[in-house]
Amino acid sequence: MEGQGQREEGAEAAAGRDGPPCSAAPEAIRDYVRERVAAYKYPRTVSLTAELPKGPTGKILKREITVPPPPVRS
């Protein structure tokens, strides 16, 4: 069974906290997930951000995450 410390380390690694910023393109991330999950689960858009809003306890404040407008296609 996974311990609390292991889950936190996994979340930090996924967020890129201890490593270099993510160099993958949002389209590549979306395509990667699309191949591995059901059609209704994969994200239609992916936005990369340098930092997530956190409260005093270090938890991510989901309500304060702003979603950028979709790019304008010409």
N, C-alpha and C. Protein backbone atom coordinates (compact mmCIF):
# COMPACT_ATOMS: atom_id res chain seq x y z
N MET A 1 0.85 -1.19 0.00
CA MET A 1 0.00 0.00 0.00
C MET A 1 0.88 1.24 0.00
N GLU A 2 0.46 2.22 -0.71
CA GLU A 2 1.23 3.45 -0.88
C GLU A 2 1.07 4.34 0.35
N GLY A 3 2.18 4.91 0.84
CA GLY A 3 2.13 5.79 1.99
C GLY A 3 1.91 7.23 1.57
N GLN A 4 1.60 8.08 2.54
CA GLN A 4 1.34 9.50 2.28
C GLN A 4 2.54 10.16 1.61
N GLY A 5 3.74 9.87 2.09
CA GLY A 5 4.94 10.48 1.51
C GLY A 5 5.13 10.11 0.06
N GLN A 6 4.83 8.87 -0.29
CA GLN A 6 4.97 8.43 -1.68
C GLN A 6 3.98 9.14 -2.58
N ARG A 7 2.75 9.34 -2.11
CA ARG A 7 1.75 10.04 -2.92
C ARG A 7 2.17 11.49 -3.15
N GLU A 8 2.70 12.14 -2.12
CA GLU A 8 3.13 13.53 -2.25
C GLU A 8 4.28 13.65 -3.23
N GLU A 9 5.25 12.70 -3.16
CA GLU A 9 6.37 12.73 -4.08
C GLU A 9 5.89 12.55 -5.52
N GLY A 10 4.92 11.65 -5.72
CA GLY A 10 4.38 11.43 -7.05
C GLY A 10 3.69 12.67 -7.58
N ALA A 11 2.94 13.36 -6.73
CA ALA A 11 2.23 14.57 -7.15
C ALA A 11 3.23 15.67 -7.50
N GLU A 12 4.30 15.79 -6.71
CA GLU A 12 5.31 16.81 -6.98
C GLU A 12 6.02 16.52 -8.30
N ALA A 13 6.32 15.26 -8.55
CA ALA A 13 6.98 14.91 -9.80
C ALA A 13 6.07 15.18 -10.99
N ALA A 14 4.78 14.87 -10.83
CA ALA A 14 3.83 15.11 -11.92
C ALA A 14 3.70 16.60 -12.20
N ALA A 15 3.78 17.41 -11.16
CA ALA A 15 3.64 18.85 -11.33
C ALA A 15 4.94 19.51 -11.77
N GLY A 16 6.05 18.74 -11.79
CA GLY A 16 7.33 19.30 -12.20
C GLY A 16 7.97 20.16 -11.14
N ARG A 17 7.59 19.99 -9.90
CA ARG A 17 8.07 20.84 -8.83
C ARG A 17 9.57 20.72 -8.61
N ASP A 18 10.10 19.50 -8.63
CA ASP A 18 11.50 19.29 -8.34
C ASP A 18 12.37 19.18 -9.59
N GLY A 19 11.76 19.26 -10.74
CA GLY A 19 12.53 19.08 -11.97
C GLY A 19 12.38 20.26 -12.89
N PRO A 20 12.89 20.11 -14.09
CA PRO A 20 12.77 21.20 -15.06
C PRO A 20 11.32 21.34 -15.52
N PRO A 21 10.97 22.50 -16.05
CA PRO A 21 9.60 22.69 -16.55
C PRO A 21 9.27 21.68 -17.64
N CYS A 22 8.02 21.41 -17.80
CA CYS A 22 7.56 20.46 -18.81
C CYS A 22 7.90 21.00 -20.19
N SER A 23 8.53 20.16 -21.02
CA SER A 23 8.90 20.61 -22.35
C SER A 23 7.97 20.04 -23.42
N ALA A 24 6.99 19.23 -23.01
CA ALA A 24 6.06 18.64 -23.98
C ALA A 24 5.03 19.67 -24.42
N ALA A 25 4.66 19.58 -25.67
CA ALA A 25 3.64 20.48 -26.20
C ALA A 25 2.27 20.03 -25.70
N PRO A 26 1.36 20.97 -25.46
CA PRO A 26 0.01 20.59 -25.00
C PRO A 26 -0.67 19.58 -25.92
N GLU A 27 -0.44 19.71 -27.23
CA GLU A 27 -1.05 18.77 -28.17
C GLU A 27 -0.50 17.36 -27.96
N ALA A 28 0.79 17.25 -27.66
CA ALA A 28 1.40 15.94 -27.42
C ALA A 28 0.84 15.30 -26.16
N ILE A 29 0.62 16.11 -25.13
CA ILE A 29 0.04 15.60 -23.88
C ILE A 29 -1.38 15.11 -24.13
N ARG A 30 -2.17 15.90 -24.84
CA ARG A 30 -3.55 15.52 -25.13
C ARG A 30 -3.60 14.23 -25.95
N ASP A 31 -2.74 14.11 -26.96
CA ASP A 31 -2.72 12.91 -27.79
C ASP A 31 -2.28 11.69 -27.00
N TYR A 32 -1.32 11.87 -26.10
CA TYR A 32 -0.84 10.76 -25.25
C TYR A 32 -1.98 10.23 -24.38
N VAL A 33 -2.72 11.14 -23.76
CA VAL A 33 -3.82 10.74 -22.88
C VAL A 33 -4.95 10.13 -23.71
N ARG A 34 -5.23 10.68 -24.87
CA ARG A 34 -6.32 10.20 -25.73
C ARG A 34 -6.12 8.72 -26.10
N GLU A 35 -4.86 8.31 -26.28
CA GLU A 35 -4.57 6.92 -26.62
C GLU A 35 -4.79 5.96 -25.45
N ARG A 36 -4.84 6.48 -24.22
CA ARG A 36 -4.84 5.61 -23.05
C ARG A 36 -6.13 5.63 -22.23
N VAL A 37 -7.04 6.53 -22.51
CA VAL A 37 -8.28 6.59 -21.73
C VAL A 37 -9.49 6.60 -22.67
N ALA A 38 -10.65 6.40 -22.08
CA ALA A 38 -11.89 6.40 -22.86
C ALA A 38 -12.13 7.79 -23.47
N ALA A 39 -12.86 7.82 -24.57
CA ALA A 39 -13.07 9.06 -25.31
C ALA A 39 -13.70 10.16 -24.46
N TYR A 40 -14.58 9.81 -23.52
CA TYR A 40 -15.23 10.85 -22.73
C TYR A 40 -14.33 11.37 -21.61
N LYS A 41 -13.17 10.75 -21.38
CA LYS A 41 -12.29 11.16 -20.28
C LYS A 41 -11.12 12.03 -20.71
N TYR A 42 -10.70 11.96 -21.96
CA TYR A 42 -9.48 12.69 -22.30
C TYR A 42 -9.77 14.20 -22.38
N PRO A 43 -8.77 15.02 -22.04
CA PRO A 43 -8.98 16.47 -22.04
C PRO A 43 -9.06 17.02 -23.46
N ARG A 44 -10.00 17.91 -23.69
CA ARG A 44 -10.14 18.52 -25.01
C ARG A 44 -9.10 19.63 -25.19
N THR A 45 -8.71 20.26 -24.10
CA THR A 45 -7.66 21.28 -24.14
C THR A 45 -6.69 21.03 -22.99
N VAL A 46 -5.45 21.42 -23.20
CA VAL A 46 -4.42 21.31 -22.17
C VAL A 46 -3.74 22.66 -22.07
N SER A 47 -3.63 23.19 -20.86
CA SER A 47 -2.96 24.46 -20.62
C SER A 47 -1.84 24.23 -19.62
N LEU A 48 -0.66 24.73 -19.93
CA LEU A 48 0.48 24.61 -19.03
C LEU A 48 0.63 25.90 -18.24
N THR A 49 0.99 25.76 -16.97
CA THR A 49 1.18 26.91 -16.12
C THR A 49 2.43 26.71 -15.28
N ALA A 50 3.05 27.80 -14.90
CA ALA A 50 4.28 27.71 -14.11
C ALA A 50 4.00 27.36 -12.66
N GLU A 51 2.84 27.78 -12.15
CA GLU A 51 2.55 27.58 -10.73
C GLU A 51 1.05 27.47 -10.51
N LEU A 52 0.66 26.63 -9.57
CA LEU A 52 -0.75 26.49 -9.20
C LEU A 52 -1.01 27.25 -7.91
N PRO A 53 -2.19 27.85 -7.76
CA PRO A 53 -2.50 28.58 -6.53
C PRO A 53 -2.66 27.60 -5.36
N LYS A 54 -2.01 27.93 -4.24
CA LYS A 54 -2.08 27.07 -3.06
C LYS A 54 -2.47 27.89 -1.85
N GLY A 55 -3.15 27.22 -0.92
CA GLY A 55 -3.54 27.84 0.33
C GLY A 55 -2.43 27.73 1.36
N PRO A 56 -2.69 28.22 2.57
CA PRO A 56 -1.68 28.19 3.63
C PRO A 56 -1.22 26.77 4.01
N THR A 57 -2.07 25.79 3.78
CA THR A 57 -1.69 24.41 4.12
C THR A 57 -0.98 23.71 2.97
N GLY A 58 -0.84 24.37 1.82
CA GLY A 58 -0.16 23.78 0.68
C GLY A 58 -1.07 23.05 -0.29
N LYS A 59 -2.35 23.02 0.01
CA LYS A 59 -3.28 22.35 -0.91
C LYS A 59 -3.56 23.25 -2.11
N ILE A 60 -3.77 22.62 -3.26
CA ILE A 60 -4.08 23.37 -4.47
C ILE A 60 -5.50 23.91 -4.37
N LEU A 61 -5.66 25.20 -4.65
CA LEU A 61 -6.97 25.85 -4.60
C LEU A 61 -7.61 25.77 -5.98
N LYS A 62 -8.40 24.73 -6.20
CA LYS A 62 -8.99 24.46 -7.51
C LYS A 62 -9.88 25.61 -7.98
N ARG A 63 -10.55 26.25 -7.06
CA ARG A 63 -11.48 27.32 -7.45
C ARG A 63 -10.76 28.56 -7.96
N GLU A 64 -9.48 28.70 -7.64
CA GLU A 64 -8.73 29.88 -8.08
C GLU A 64 -7.94 29.63 -9.36
N ILE A 65 -8.03 28.44 -9.91
CA ILE A 65 -7.35 28.15 -11.17
C ILE A 65 -8.15 28.79 -12.29
N THR A 66 -7.48 29.62 -13.07
CA THR A 66 -8.16 30.28 -14.18
C THR A 66 -7.81 29.54 -15.48
N VAL A 67 -8.79 29.38 -16.31
CA VAL A 67 -8.60 28.70 -17.58
C VAL A 67 -8.43 29.77 -18.66
N PRO A 68 -7.29 29.73 -19.37
CA PRO A 68 -7.10 30.72 -20.42
C PRO A 68 -8.08 30.51 -21.57
N PRO A 69 -8.42 31.57 -22.29
CA PRO A 69 -9.34 31.41 -23.43
C PRO A 69 -8.69 30.55 -24.51
N PRO A 70 -9.48 29.83 -25.29
CA PRO A 70 -8.92 29.01 -26.35
C PRO A 70 -8.25 29.88 -27.40
N PRO A 71 -7.21 29.34 -28.05
CA PRO A 71 -6.54 30.13 -29.10
C PRO A 71 -7.47 30.40 -30.27
N VAL A 72 -7.28 31.52 -30.88
CA VAL A 72 -8.08 31.92 -32.04
C VAL A 72 -7.51 31.22 -33.26
N ARG A 73 -8.35 30.51 -33.97
CA ARG A 73 -7.91 29.81 -35.18
C ARG A 73 -8.31 30.63 -36.40
N SER A 74 -7.38 30.72 -37.31
CA SER A 74 -7.70 31.50 -38.51
C SER A 74 -7.74 30.65 -39.75
